Amino acid sequence: MAFLWVLALFKNVCAFGAAHAYPSLFFKDEEVARLHESNQETCGALSLSAILYYDESHWSLWINDKIICPENAQEMEGFHIKKVSPHEVEFSHLSTEGEILETFTLRPY
């Protein structure tokens, strides 16, 4: 009986959480909106579907329906691959002048 009560409480909490966004303890609403906007612009441009990893110099990535490997990694305009591991890829977002704007990590979905 206690299990059913906990399950019902969990469902109500999840439904409430999905309907109401909780405010941040550290950022103002405008700052949260800017962070989401920035993240969407950067990470939204790349979609990592798969990683085939043998070692740090032998790997292939399936990014935006295109296979990227060490030999053609420079073809990704605006992005630089910093590090590839079996489970994630670290990227740098580059400005048109080649400056690093931000670094982020993607995992395949």
N, C-alpha and C. Protein backbone atom coordinates (compact mmCIF):
# COMPACT_ATOMS: atom_id res chain seq x y z
N MET A 1 0.82 -1.19 0.00
CA MET A 1 0.00 0.00 0.00
C MET A 1 0.87 1.26 0.00
N ALA A 2 1.97 1.21 0.75
CA ALA A 2 2.87 2.36 0.80
C ALA A 2 3.49 2.61 -0.57
N PHE A 3 3.76 1.54 -1.31
CA PHE A 3 4.32 1.70 -2.64
C PHE A 3 3.38 2.47 -3.55
N LEU A 4 2.09 2.16 -3.51
CA LEU A 4 1.12 2.86 -4.35
C LEU A 4 1.04 4.34 -3.97
N TRP A 5 1.13 4.64 -2.68
CA TRP A 5 1.09 6.03 -2.23
C TRP A 5 2.30 6.79 -2.77
N VAL A 6 3.48 6.18 -2.68
CA VAL A 6 4.71 6.81 -3.18
C VAL A 6 4.62 6.99 -4.69
N LEU A 7 4.11 5.99 -5.40
CA LEU A 7 3.97 6.09 -6.85
C LEU A 7 3.02 7.23 -7.23
N ALA A 8 1.90 7.35 -6.54
CA ALA A 8 0.95 8.42 -6.82
C ALA A 8 1.57 9.79 -6.53
N LEU A 9 2.30 9.90 -5.43
CA LEU A 9 2.97 11.16 -5.09
C LEU A 9 4.01 11.51 -6.15
N PHE A 10 4.78 10.52 -6.61
CA PHE A 10 5.81 10.75 -7.63
C PHE A 10 5.17 11.25 -8.93
N LYS A 11 4.06 10.62 -9.35
CA LYS A 11 3.38 11.06 -10.57
C LYS A 11 2.89 12.49 -10.46
N ASN A 12 2.35 12.86 -9.29
CA ASN A 12 1.87 14.23 -9.10
C ASN A 12 3.02 15.23 -9.12
N VAL A 13 4.13 14.90 -8.48
CA VAL A 13 5.30 15.79 -8.48
C VAL A 13 5.84 15.95 -9.89
N CYS A 14 5.94 14.85 -10.65
CA CYS A 14 6.44 14.93 -12.03
C CYS A 14 5.51 15.77 -12.90
N ALA A 15 4.20 15.61 -12.73
CA ALA A 15 3.25 16.39 -13.51
C ALA A 15 3.36 17.87 -13.16
N PHE A 16 3.54 18.18 -11.87
CA PHE A 16 3.69 19.57 -11.45
C PHE A 16 4.98 20.16 -12.01
N GLY A 17 6.07 19.38 -11.93
CA GLY A 17 7.36 19.87 -12.43
C GLY A 17 7.37 20.10 -13.92
N ALA A 18 6.63 19.27 -14.67
CA ALA A 18 6.57 19.44 -16.11
C ALA A 18 5.76 20.68 -16.49
N ALA A 19 4.77 21.01 -15.66
CA ALA A 19 3.90 22.13 -15.99
C ALA A 19 4.49 23.47 -15.55
N HIS A 20 5.36 23.46 -14.52
CA HIS A 20 5.91 24.69 -13.96
C HIS A 20 7.42 24.64 -13.99
N ALA A 21 8.03 25.64 -14.56
CA ALA A 21 9.49 25.73 -14.58
C ALA A 21 9.95 26.34 -13.26
N TYR A 22 10.92 25.71 -12.66
CA TYR A 22 11.44 26.23 -11.39
C TYR A 22 12.45 27.33 -11.67
N PRO A 23 12.42 28.41 -10.92
CA PRO A 23 13.39 29.49 -11.14
C PRO A 23 14.78 29.06 -10.70
N SER A 24 15.78 29.68 -11.27
CA SER A 24 17.16 29.39 -10.91
C SER A 24 17.50 30.06 -9.58
N LEU A 25 18.32 29.39 -8.80
CA LEU A 25 18.78 29.97 -7.54
C LEU A 25 19.92 30.97 -7.77
N PHE A 26 20.60 30.87 -8.91
CA PHE A 26 21.80 31.65 -9.14
C PHE A 26 21.66 32.73 -10.21
N PHE A 27 20.74 32.53 -11.16
CA PHE A 27 20.64 33.44 -12.30
C PHE A 27 19.27 34.11 -12.35
N LYS A 28 19.25 35.31 -12.91
CA LYS A 28 17.98 36.00 -13.16
C LYS A 28 17.32 35.36 -14.39
N ASP A 29 16.04 35.60 -14.57
CA ASP A 29 15.31 35.02 -15.70
C ASP A 29 15.93 35.40 -17.04
N GLU A 30 16.39 36.66 -17.16
CA GLU A 30 17.00 37.10 -18.42
C GLU A 30 18.30 36.35 -18.69
N GLU A 31 19.08 36.08 -17.63
CA GLU A 31 20.34 35.36 -17.79
C GLU A 31 20.09 33.91 -18.20
N VAL A 32 19.08 33.29 -17.61
CA VAL A 32 18.73 31.92 -17.97
C VAL A 32 18.30 31.87 -19.43
N ALA A 33 17.50 32.85 -19.86
CA ALA A 33 17.06 32.89 -21.26
C ALA A 33 18.24 33.04 -22.21
N ARG A 34 19.22 33.90 -21.84
CA ARG A 34 20.41 34.07 -22.68
C ARG A 34 21.23 32.79 -22.75
N LEU A 35 21.36 32.09 -21.62
CA LEU A 35 22.11 30.83 -21.61
C LEU A 35 21.44 29.80 -22.51
N HIS A 36 20.13 29.67 -22.42
CA HIS A 36 19.41 28.72 -23.28
C HIS A 36 19.54 29.11 -24.75
N GLU A 37 19.46 30.40 -25.03
CA GLU A 37 19.57 30.88 -26.41
C GLU A 37 20.96 30.60 -26.97
N SER A 38 22.00 30.87 -26.19
CA SER A 38 23.37 30.63 -26.62
C SER A 38 23.61 29.14 -26.85
N ASN A 39 23.14 28.32 -25.93
CA ASN A 39 23.32 26.88 -26.05
C ASN A 39 22.59 26.35 -27.27
N GLN A 40 21.41 26.85 -27.55
CA GLN A 40 20.64 26.41 -28.71
C GLN A 40 21.34 26.80 -30.00
N GLU A 41 21.91 28.01 -30.05
CA GLU A 41 22.60 28.46 -31.26
C GLU A 41 23.82 27.61 -31.54
N THR A 42 24.61 27.31 -30.51
CA THR A 42 25.86 26.58 -30.69
C THR A 42 25.61 25.09 -30.90
N CYS A 43 25.02 24.45 -29.91
CA CYS A 43 24.84 23.00 -29.98
C CYS A 43 23.77 22.62 -30.98
N GLY A 44 22.84 23.53 -31.25
CA GLY A 44 21.80 23.24 -32.23
C GLY A 44 22.35 23.10 -33.63
N ALA A 45 23.52 23.66 -33.90
CA ALA A 45 24.13 23.57 -35.22
C ALA A 45 24.77 22.22 -35.47
N LEU A 46 25.03 21.45 -34.42
CA LEU A 46 25.65 20.14 -34.53
C LEU A 46 24.76 19.07 -33.93
N SER A 47 24.69 17.96 -34.60
CA SER A 47 23.96 16.81 -34.09
C SER A 47 24.87 15.60 -34.19
N LEU A 48 25.31 15.09 -33.04
CA LEU A 48 26.22 13.93 -33.00
C LEU A 48 25.38 12.67 -32.86
N SER A 49 25.38 11.85 -33.89
CA SER A 49 24.56 10.63 -33.89
C SER A 49 25.32 9.41 -33.39
N ALA A 50 26.62 9.32 -33.71
CA ALA A 50 27.38 8.12 -33.34
C ALA A 50 28.87 8.42 -33.26
N ILE A 51 29.55 7.61 -32.44
CA ILE A 51 31.02 7.66 -32.32
C ILE A 51 31.53 6.25 -32.55
N LEU A 52 32.46 6.10 -33.48
CA LEU A 52 33.20 4.85 -33.64
C LEU A 52 34.63 5.16 -33.22
N TYR A 53 35.06 4.57 -32.11
CA TYR A 53 36.33 4.94 -31.50
C TYR A 53 37.22 3.72 -31.35
N TYR A 54 38.45 3.82 -31.88
CA TYR A 54 39.45 2.78 -31.68
C TYR A 54 40.54 3.29 -30.74
N ASP A 55 41.12 4.43 -31.06
CA ASP A 55 42.07 5.12 -30.18
C ASP A 55 42.02 6.60 -30.53
N GLU A 56 42.87 7.41 -29.89
CA GLU A 56 42.76 8.86 -30.09
C GLU A 56 43.09 9.34 -31.50
N SER A 57 43.72 8.53 -32.31
CA SER A 57 43.98 8.94 -33.69
C SER A 57 43.18 8.13 -34.71
N HIS A 58 42.36 7.21 -34.26
CA HIS A 58 41.53 6.40 -35.16
C HIS A 58 40.10 6.41 -34.64
N TRP A 59 39.29 7.28 -35.22
CA TRP A 59 37.89 7.41 -34.82
C TRP A 59 37.09 7.96 -35.99
N SER A 60 35.78 7.80 -35.92
CA SER A 60 34.86 8.38 -36.89
C SER A 60 33.63 8.87 -36.14
N LEU A 61 33.10 10.01 -36.58
CA LEU A 61 31.92 10.60 -35.97
C LEU A 61 30.86 10.76 -37.04
N TRP A 62 29.60 10.58 -36.66
CA TRP A 62 28.49 10.84 -37.56
C TRP A 62 27.86 12.14 -37.08
N ILE A 63 28.19 13.25 -37.76
CA ILE A 63 27.73 14.59 -37.36
C ILE A 63 26.92 15.19 -38.50
N ASN A 64 25.70 15.61 -38.19
CA ASN A 64 24.82 16.23 -39.19
C ASN A 64 24.75 15.40 -40.47
N ASP A 65 24.56 14.10 -40.33
CA ASP A 65 24.43 13.18 -41.47
C ASP A 65 25.68 13.13 -42.35
N LYS A 66 26.84 13.35 -41.74
CA LYS A 66 28.11 13.31 -42.48
C LYS A 66 29.15 12.60 -41.60
N ILE A 67 29.99 11.78 -42.21
CA ILE A 67 31.04 11.09 -41.46
C ILE A 67 32.26 12.00 -41.36
N ILE A 68 32.70 12.23 -40.13
CA ILE A 68 33.88 13.05 -39.86
C ILE A 68 34.93 12.14 -39.23
N CYS A 69 36.15 12.19 -39.75
CA CYS A 69 37.26 11.43 -39.20
C CYS A 69 38.46 12.39 -39.08
N PRO A 70 39.57 11.96 -38.51
CA PRO A 70 40.70 12.88 -38.34
C PRO A 70 41.16 13.52 -39.65
N GLU A 71 41.01 12.82 -40.75
CA GLU A 71 41.49 13.34 -42.03
C GLU A 71 40.64 14.49 -42.57
N ASN A 72 39.34 14.53 -42.25
CA ASN A 72 38.49 15.58 -42.79
C ASN A 72 37.84 16.44 -41.70
N ALA A 73 38.39 16.42 -40.50
CA ALA A 73 37.82 17.18 -39.38
C ALA A 73 37.86 18.69 -39.61
N GLN A 74 38.78 19.16 -40.42
CA GLN A 74 38.88 20.60 -40.69
C GLN A 74 37.74 21.10 -41.57
N GLU A 75 36.95 20.21 -42.15
CA GLU A 75 35.83 20.61 -43.00
C GLU A 75 34.64 21.15 -42.21
N MET A 76 34.67 21.04 -40.90
CA MET A 76 33.57 21.54 -40.07
C MET A 76 33.77 23.02 -39.83
N GLU A 77 33.15 23.84 -40.63
CA GLU A 77 33.32 25.29 -40.55
C GLU A 77 32.72 25.82 -39.25
N GLY A 78 33.51 26.62 -38.54
CA GLY A 78 33.04 27.24 -37.31
C GLY A 78 33.24 26.41 -36.07
N PHE A 79 33.70 25.17 -36.24
CA PHE A 79 33.91 24.28 -35.10
C PHE A 79 35.25 23.57 -35.22
N HIS A 80 35.83 23.26 -34.07
CA HIS A 80 37.08 22.52 -34.00
C HIS A 80 36.88 21.37 -33.02
N ILE A 81 37.29 20.17 -33.40
CA ILE A 81 37.20 19.02 -32.51
C ILE A 81 38.44 19.02 -31.63
N LYS A 82 38.24 19.19 -30.32
CA LYS A 82 39.36 19.23 -29.39
C LYS A 82 39.76 17.84 -28.92
N LYS A 83 38.74 17.01 -28.61
CA LYS A 83 39.05 15.69 -28.04
C LYS A 83 37.90 14.74 -28.35
N VAL A 84 38.26 13.51 -28.72
CA VAL A 84 37.27 12.46 -28.97
C VAL A 84 37.55 11.33 -28.00
N SER A 85 36.52 10.85 -27.34
CA SER A 85 36.61 9.70 -26.45
C SER A 85 35.54 8.70 -26.87
N PRO A 86 35.53 7.52 -26.32
CA PRO A 86 34.53 6.52 -26.74
C PRO A 86 33.08 6.97 -26.51
N HIS A 87 32.85 7.90 -25.58
CA HIS A 87 31.48 8.25 -25.21
C HIS A 87 31.09 9.69 -25.48
N GLU A 88 32.05 10.57 -25.80
CA GLU A 88 31.71 11.98 -26.01
C GLU A 88 32.77 12.66 -26.86
N VAL A 89 32.40 13.84 -27.39
CA VAL A 89 33.32 14.63 -28.22
C VAL A 89 33.31 16.05 -27.68
N GLU A 90 34.50 16.61 -27.51
CA GLU A 90 34.64 18.00 -27.05
C GLU A 90 34.93 18.88 -28.25
N PHE A 91 34.12 19.92 -28.40
CA PHE A 91 34.21 20.85 -29.52
C PHE A 91 34.56 22.24 -29.02
N SER A 92 35.12 23.05 -29.91
CA SER A 92 35.27 24.49 -29.70
C SER A 92 34.47 25.18 -30.79
N HIS A 93 33.71 26.18 -30.40
CA HIS A 93 32.99 27.01 -31.36
C HIS A 93 33.90 28.17 -31.70
N LEU A 94 34.18 28.37 -32.98
CA LEU A 94 35.14 29.38 -33.42
C LEU A 94 34.44 30.56 -34.06
N SER A 95 35.01 31.74 -33.84
CA SER A 95 34.51 32.93 -34.53
C SER A 95 35.04 32.93 -35.95
N THR A 96 34.62 33.89 -36.74
CA THR A 96 35.11 33.97 -38.13
C THR A 96 36.59 34.30 -38.19
N GLU A 97 37.12 34.91 -37.11
CA GLU A 97 38.55 35.23 -37.03
C GLU A 97 39.36 34.06 -36.49
N GLY A 98 38.68 32.96 -36.08
CA GLY A 98 39.38 31.80 -35.56
C GLY A 98 39.55 31.79 -34.05
N GLU A 99 38.96 32.76 -33.35
CA GLU A 99 39.04 32.79 -31.89
C GLU A 99 38.05 31.78 -31.31
N ILE A 100 38.43 31.16 -30.19
CA ILE A 100 37.54 30.22 -29.52
C ILE A 100 36.50 31.01 -28.74
N LEU A 101 35.23 30.82 -29.10
CA LEU A 101 34.14 31.50 -28.41
C LEU A 101 33.70 30.73 -27.18
N GLU A 102 33.58 29.40 -27.32
CA GLU A 102 33.20 28.56 -26.20
C GLU A 102 33.56 27.12 -26.51
N THR A 103 33.63 26.32 -25.46
CA THR A 103 33.91 24.90 -25.58
C THR A 103 32.72 24.14 -25.01
N PHE A 104 32.32 23.07 -25.69
CA PHE A 104 31.19 22.27 -25.22
C PHE A 104 31.41 20.81 -25.60
N THR A 105 30.65 19.94 -24.96
CA THR A 105 30.77 18.51 -25.17
C THR A 105 29.44 17.95 -25.63
N LEU A 106 29.48 17.05 -26.61
CA LEU A 106 28.27 16.36 -27.08
C LEU A 106 28.45 14.86 -26.92
N ARG A 107 27.35 14.21 -26.63
CA ARG A 107 27.30 12.74 -26.58
C ARG A 107 26.29 12.28 -27.63
N PRO A 108 26.50 11.12 -28.23
CA PRO A 108 25.52 10.66 -29.22
C PRO A 108 24.19 10.38 -28.56
N TYR A 109 23.13 10.56 -29.32
CA TYR A 109 21.79 10.29 -28.79
C TYR A 109 21.36 8.89 -29.11
